[in-house]
């Protein structure tokens, strides 16, 4: 039978792709900050990483960042002299297209998610090969964010996104090497600001705020999606396995003979372990009722974590403003 709608999650041993709605303005912004990142946020990795390579290549050929640097410090004539118009006009067309296309794809993604959510009953949550095992587990977005801040790519590795890890690590190493960012940081920390300005390459340095902010947001958002999808997949399991033959106290013919134990738990692997252990100890599946619950009216938290991920914490705005202020501060 032909599948009309995509799966909510596709897992391979080295990566997990989760279909989840998001505000279309978010990928549009990241496409404006660095072409390709808006597509990467939606897990269109082939298109996204191809556009990132395009940005690195054409921006350097056209000297766009160098011209921006001179413009921001008021040296307009140097900006005119350094820009290469042969590649600049090529750059503009693709730059505008990435913003348009990321917004369009986000709208389509949201529509596809609604249809897939309504039609998908169960979701595969594990994939294994000779070299790797990939299972859907709850993760901490804050921990993923911490490792990504420490070294871009490590947060993706924490989430078992191997392709994102390799690309993030490679692009970060190339950028800091050609920008001589760490050398400039050393001189800045020792108070020799004139030397720091001298050694840093503005053309490559101005990539850093956008790619670093993009790394952080992508990693954090992926962790939030994984947690939300974990809850959804476990809820699907509980509905399909533990709600079919249970007799409620109001309809049971064995009135007064049974004791009912009621408990509530967070979504976690422990819930399934407890249910299967009850079955192993002789409790029939027909005597177990598992009901997924949804907590409402919770206040927005500063950070999501492994036990609570609503995707509306303050990290969206923080990473956007952070990348802007890093750019202005760097100039």
Protein backbone atom coordinates (compact mmCIF):
# COMPACT_ATOMS: atom_id res chain seq x y z
CA UNK A 1 0.00 0.00 0.00
CA UNK A 2 1.35 3.43 -0.96
CA UNK A 3 2.15 5.73 1.96
CA UNK A 4 0.57 9.10 1.36
CA UNK A 5 2.15 10.92 4.32
CA UNK A 6 5.73 10.85 5.68
CA UNK A 7 6.67 9.18 8.95
CA UNK A 8 6.93 11.40 12.00
CA UNK A 9 10.41 10.02 12.59
CA UNK A 10 12.96 8.26 10.41
CA UNK A 11 15.85 6.64 12.22
CA UNK A 12 19.05 5.19 10.77
CA UNK A 13 22.02 3.96 12.82
CA UNK A 14 23.87 7.26 12.40
CA UNK A 15 21.11 9.86 12.46
CA UNK A 16 17.52 10.57 13.48
CA UNK A 17 15.19 12.80 11.47
CA UNK A 18 12.09 14.00 13.32
CA UNK A 19 9.16 15.72 11.62
CA UNK A 20 7.95 18.53 13.86
CA UNK A 21 6.24 21.90 13.25
CA UNK A 22 8.00 25.20 13.84
CA UNK A 23 7.45 28.89 13.27
CA UNK A 24 8.36 29.62 9.60
CA UNK A 25 10.06 32.85 10.64
CA UNK A 26 12.70 30.87 12.55
CA UNK A 27 14.24 29.13 9.50
CA UNK A 28 13.84 32.37 7.52
CA UNK A 29 15.94 34.19 10.12
CA UNK A 30 18.67 31.55 10.17
CA UNK A 31 18.75 31.59 6.36
CA UNK A 32 19.33 35.34 6.56
CA UNK A 33 22.02 34.90 9.21
CA UNK A 34 23.81 32.17 7.27
CA UNK A 35 22.36 30.61 4.08
CA UNK A 36 21.73 26.91 4.63
CA UNK A 37 21.09 27.01 8.36
CA UNK A 38 17.37 27.57 7.91
CA UNK A 39 17.15 24.37 5.88
CA UNK A 40 19.34 22.51 8.39
CA UNK A 41 16.95 23.48 11.22
CA UNK A 42 14.22 21.63 9.30
CA UNK A 43 16.59 18.67 8.80
CA UNK A 44 16.90 19.26 5.05
CA UNK A 45 20.57 18.51 5.55
CA UNK A 46 21.61 17.92 1.93
CA UNK A 47 20.18 21.24 0.76
CA UNK A 48 21.25 23.03 3.93
CA UNK A 49 24.86 21.89 3.92
CA UNK A 50 25.14 22.51 0.16
CA UNK A 51 24.03 26.11 0.73
CA UNK A 52 26.49 26.45 3.63
CA UNK A 53 29.33 25.40 1.31
CA UNK A 54 28.03 27.87 -1.27
CA UNK A 55 28.05 30.63 1.36
CA UNK A 56 31.62 29.92 2.40
CA UNK A 57 32.82 29.77 -1.21
CA UNK A 58 31.03 32.71 -2.86
CA UNK A 59 31.19 34.99 0.17
CA UNK A 60 34.97 34.59 0.26
CA UNK A 61 35.30 35.09 -3.49
CA UNK A 62 33.14 38.23 -3.39
CA UNK A 63 34.70 39.45 -0.11
CA UNK A 64 31.22 40.20 1.27
CA UNK A 65 32.23 39.98 4.93
CA UNK A 66 35.26 42.20 4.34
CA UNK A 67 33.03 44.83 2.73
CA UNK A 68 30.55 44.57 5.64
CA UNK A 69 33.40 45.10 8.10
CA UNK A 70 34.63 48.25 6.34
CA UNK A 71 31.07 49.56 6.05
CA UNK A 72 30.40 49.07 9.76
CA UNK A 73 33.51 51.03 10.75
CA UNK A 74 32.62 53.83 8.31
CA UNK A 75 35.26 53.15 5.64
CA UNK A 76 32.87 53.10 2.69
CA UNK A 77 35.56 53.59 0.05
CA UNK A 78 37.48 50.51 1.20
CA UNK A 79 34.24 48.54 1.12
CA UNK A 80 33.71 49.57 -2.50
CA UNK A 81 37.27 48.70 -3.41
CA UNK A 82 37.33 45.25 -1.81
CA UNK A 83 34.00 43.87 -3.06
CA UNK A 84 34.20 41.68 -6.19
CA UNK A 85 31.11 42.42 -8.26
CA UNK A 86 31.59 39.30 -10.41
CA UNK A 87 30.58 37.09 -7.51
CA UNK A 88 28.57 39.61 -5.46
CA UNK A 89 25.55 39.65 -7.76
CA UNK A 90 25.61 35.86 -7.93
CA UNK A 91 25.63 35.82 -4.13
CA UNK A 92 22.62 38.14 -3.80
CA UNK A 93 20.27 35.94 -5.86
CA UNK A 94 21.01 32.77 -3.92
CA UNK A 95 20.91 34.63 -0.58
CA UNK A 96 17.37 35.91 -1.22
CA UNK A 97 16.24 32.52 -2.52
CA UNK A 98 17.39 30.70 0.64
CA UNK A 99 15.15 32.91 2.79
CA UNK A 100 12.17 32.43 0.49
CA UNK A 101 12.69 28.68 0.18
CA UNK A 102 13.20 28.05 3.90
CA UNK A 103 9.96 29.90 4.74
CA UNK A 104 8.07 27.96 2.04
CA UNK A 105 9.44 24.62 3.21
CA UNK A 106 8.54 25.41 6.83
CA UNK A 107 4.91 26.06 5.87
CA UNK A 108 4.81 22.78 3.92
CA UNK A 109 6.48 20.95 6.79
CA UNK A 110 3.84 22.17 9.24
CA UNK A 111 1.04 20.97 6.95
CA UNK A 112 2.69 17.59 6.43
CA UNK A 113 3.16 17.21 10.17
CA UNK A 114 -0.56 17.71 10.83
CA UNK A 115 -1.50 15.09 8.23
CA UNK A 116 1.18 12.64 9.40
CA UNK A 117 0.17 13.09 13.04
CA UNK A 118 -3.44 12.28 12.22
CA UNK A 119 -2.59 9.20 10.14
CA UNK A 120 0.40 7.68 11.97
CA UNK A 121 -0.57 5.18 14.66
CA UNK A 122 2.85 3.88 15.69
CA UNK A 123 6.40 5.04 15.13
CA UNK A 124 9.65 3.11 14.78
CA UNK A 125 12.05 4.18 17.52
CA UNK A 126 15.20 2.14 16.95
CA UNK A 127 17.69 1.33 14.23
CA UNK A 128 20.79 -0.82 14.38
CA UNK A 129 23.67 -1.80 12.15
CA UNK A 130 27.01 -3.58 12.57
CA UNK A 131 28.70 -0.36 13.64
CA UNK A 132 26.07 1.60 15.53
CA UNK A 133 22.85 1.49 17.56
CA UNK A 134 20.38 4.37 17.48
CA UNK A 135 17.39 4.33 19.84
CA UNK A 136 14.90 7.05 20.72
CA UNK A 137 15.57 8.17 24.29
CA UNK A 138 14.86 11.28 26.30
CA UNK A 139 17.72 13.76 26.32
CA UNK A 140 18.47 17.02 28.07
CA UNK A 141 18.40 20.05 25.74
CA UNK A 142 20.45 21.99 28.29
CA UNK A 143 23.17 19.34 28.30
CA UNK A 144 23.19 19.27 24.48
CA UNK A 145 23.47 23.07 24.48
CA UNK A 146 26.35 22.98 26.97
CA UNK A 147 28.44 20.56 24.89
CA UNK A 148 27.68 22.50 21.70
CA UNK A 149 28.82 25.71 23.39
CA UNK A 150 32.01 24.03 24.54
CA UNK A 151 32.84 22.72 21.06
CA UNK A 152 30.49 22.92 18.06
CA UNK A 153 29.56 19.40 16.98
CA UNK A 154 29.69 17.75 20.40
CA UNK A 155 26.02 18.51 21.07
CA UNK A 156 25.07 16.81 17.81
CA UNK A 157 27.21 13.81 18.77
CA UNK A 158 25.38 13.69 22.13
CA UNK A 159 22.14 13.39 20.13
CA UNK A 160 23.68 10.73 17.86
CA UNK A 161 23.48 13.02 14.82
CA UNK A 162 26.75 11.85 13.32
CA UNK A 163 26.45 13.69 9.99
CA UNK A 164 25.72 16.99 11.74
CA UNK A 165 28.63 16.37 14.10
CA UNK A 166 31.10 15.83 11.26
CA UNK A 167 29.90 18.83 9.25
CA UNK A 168 29.76 21.15 12.27
CA UNK A 169 33.21 20.13 13.42
CA UNK A 170 34.75 20.53 9.96
CA UNK A 171 33.16 23.93 9.29
CA UNK A 172 34.12 25.23 12.75
CA UNK A 173 37.74 24.10 12.46
CA UNK A 174 38.07 25.67 9.00
CA UNK A 175 36.51 28.95 10.17
CA UNK A 176 38.61 29.42 13.30
CA UNK A 177 41.76 28.41 11.42
CA UNK A 178 41.41 31.01 8.66
CA UNK A 179 39.98 33.69 10.97
CA UNK A 180 42.72 33.11 13.62
CA UNK A 181 39.97 33.61 16.17
CA UNK A 182 41.67 31.86 19.08
CA UNK A 183 44.89 33.81 18.49
CA UNK A 184 42.93 37.05 18.59
CA UNK A 185 41.09 35.85 21.69
CA UNK A 186 44.41 35.15 23.44
CA UNK A 187 45.74 38.65 22.75
CA UNK A 188 42.39 40.17 23.83
CA UNK A 189 42.49 38.30 27.14
CA UNK A 190 46.05 39.51 27.74
CA UNK A 191 45.02 43.11 27.04
CA UNK A 192 46.88 43.51 23.74
CA UNK A 193 43.89 44.63 21.67
CA UNK A 194 45.98 46.22 18.92
CA UNK A 195 47.68 42.89 18.28
CA UNK A 196 44.32 41.10 18.36
CA UNK A 197 42.94 43.41 15.66
CA UNK A 198 46.07 42.89 13.60
CA UNK A 199 46.03 39.08 13.59
CA UNK A 200 42.29 38.45 13.10
CA UNK A 201 41.01 38.08 9.54
CA UNK A 202 37.67 39.99 9.33
CA UNK A 203 36.53 38.12 6.22
CA UNK A 204 36.49 34.80 8.09
CA UNK A 205 35.86 36.22 11.56
CA UNK A 206 32.42 37.57 10.62
CA UNK A 207 31.27 34.03 9.85
CA UNK A 208 31.66 33.05 13.51
CA UNK A 209 28.63 34.79 15.14
CA UNK A 210 26.20 33.30 12.62
CA UNK A 211 27.59 29.78 12.51
CA UNK A 212 28.12 29.56 16.28
CA UNK A 213 24.59 30.79 17.02
CA UNK A 214 23.25 28.46 14.34
CA UNK A 215 25.10 25.50 15.86
CA UNK A 216 23.60 26.21 19.29
CA UNK A 217 20.04 26.67 18.08
CA UNK A 218 20.04 23.63 15.80
CA UNK A 219 21.37 21.37 18.54
CA UNK A 220 18.94 22.66 21.16
CA UNK A 221 15.94 22.43 18.83
CA UNK A 222 16.82 18.87 17.84
CA UNK A 223 16.94 17.84 21.51
CA UNK A 224 13.53 19.41 22.13
CA UNK A 225 12.06 17.61 19.11
CA UNK A 226 13.47 14.27 20.26
CA UNK A 227 11.86 14.64 23.70
CA UNK A 228 8.49 15.66 22.32
CA UNK A 229 8.56 12.79 19.86
CA UNK A 230 9.58 10.37 22.59
CA UNK A 231 6.44 11.29 24.54
CA UNK A 232 4.32 10.92 21.41
CA UNK A 233 5.74 7.50 20.50
CA UNK A 234 5.35 6.21 24.05
CA UNK A 235 1.77 7.49 24.17
CA UNK A 236 1.09 5.61 20.91
CA UNK A 237 2.47 2.44 22.47
CA UNK A 238 0.41 2.75 25.64
CA UNK A 239 -2.79 3.37 23.69
CA UNK A 240 -2.24 0.40 21.37
CA UNK A 241 -1.03 -2.09 24.00
CA UNK A 242 -2.69 -1.21 27.31
CA UNK A 243 -6.16 0.13 26.55
CA UNK A 244 -7.89 -2.64 24.61
CA UNK A 245 -9.26 -5.12 27.12
CA UNK A 246 -9.14 -3.40 30.51
CA UNK A 247 -12.40 -3.50 32.51
CA UNK A 248 -13.12 -0.32 34.44
CA UNK A 249 -14.49 -0.58 38.00
CA UNK A 250 -17.84 0.77 36.78
CA UNK A 251 -18.36 -2.03 34.26
CA UNK A 252 -16.59 -4.92 35.95
CA UNK A 253 -18.71 -7.90 37.01
CA UNK A 254 -16.32 -8.65 39.88
CA UNK A 255 -17.52 -5.84 42.10
CA UNK A 256 -15.92 -5.72 45.53
CA UNK A 257 -13.36 -8.38 44.69
CA UNK A 258 -10.51 -6.32 43.23
CA UNK A 259 -8.12 -3.63 44.38
CA UNK A 260 -7.14 -0.93 41.92
CA UNK A 261 -3.75 0.80 42.18
CA UNK A 262 -3.43 4.21 40.53
CA UNK A 263 -0.14 5.99 39.91
CA UNK A 264 1.23 8.69 37.60
CA UNK A 265 4.68 8.88 36.05
CA UNK A 266 6.75 11.04 33.75
CA UNK A 267 7.26 9.75 30.22
CA UNK A 268 10.41 7.63 30.39
CA UNK A 269 11.77 4.17 29.68
CA UNK A 270 11.03 3.30 33.31
CA UNK A 271 7.30 3.29 32.53
CA UNK A 272 7.68 0.55 29.93
CA UNK A 273 10.11 -1.38 32.12
CA UNK A 274 7.59 -1.31 34.97
CA UNK A 275 4.71 -2.44 32.74
CA UNK A 276 6.65 -5.34 31.23
CA UNK A 277 7.86 -6.37 34.68
CA UNK A 278 4.27 -6.49 35.93
CA UNK A 279 3.44 -8.81 33.05
CA UNK A 280 6.43 -11.02 33.87
CA UNK A 281 5.20 -11.26 37.46
CA UNK A 282 1.85 -12.64 36.33
CA UNK A 283 -0.29 -9.52 35.95
CA UNK A 284 -2.35 -9.90 32.78
CA UNK A 285 -2.29 -7.12 30.19
CA UNK A 286 -6.08 -6.97 30.44
CA UNK A 287 -5.66 -5.89 34.09
CA UNK A 288 -3.43 -2.94 33.21
CA UNK A 289 -4.65 0.43 31.94
CA UNK A 290 -2.09 3.01 30.83
CA UNK A 291 -3.35 6.50 30.02
CA UNK A 292 -1.06 9.14 28.49
CA UNK A 293 -1.75 12.46 30.20
CA UNK A 294 -1.10 15.99 29.02
CA UNK A 295 -0.17 18.67 31.55
CA UNK A 296 -1.75 22.03 30.79
CA UNK A 297 -1.31 25.60 31.98
CA UNK A 298 2.35 25.21 32.87
CA UNK A 299 4.43 28.36 33.00
CA UNK A 300 7.07 28.87 30.32
CA UNK A 301 10.47 27.80 31.61
CA UNK A 302 13.84 29.38 30.97
CA UNK A 303 15.32 26.09 29.70
CA UNK A 304 13.88 22.80 28.51
CA UNK A 305 15.23 19.61 30.08
CA UNK A 306 14.93 15.84 29.69
CA UNK A 307 11.68 15.76 31.68
CA UNK A 308 10.03 18.87 30.25
CA UNK A 309 10.32 20.14 26.67
CA UNK A 310 7.67 22.47 25.32
CA UNK A 311 9.86 24.10 22.68
CA UNK A 312 8.79 27.62 23.72
CA UNK A 313 11.56 28.45 26.16
CA UNK A 314 13.61 31.61 25.74
CA UNK A 315 16.39 29.96 23.74
CA UNK A 316 14.83 30.87 20.35
CA UNK A 317 15.13 34.58 21.00
CA UNK A 318 18.36 34.25 22.97
CA UNK A 319 20.27 32.56 20.15
CA UNK A 320 18.96 35.06 17.59
CA UNK A 321 19.93 38.09 19.69
CA UNK A 322 23.17 36.43 20.70
CA UNK A 323 24.30 35.97 17.09
CA UNK A 324 23.40 39.61 16.33
CA UNK A 325 25.29 41.03 19.30
CA UNK A 326 28.28 38.74 18.69
CA UNK A 327 28.48 40.18 15.17
CA UNK A 328 28.24 43.79 16.37
CA UNK A 329 30.64 43.15 19.23
CA UNK A 330 33.14 41.47 16.93
CA UNK A 331 33.16 44.46 14.58
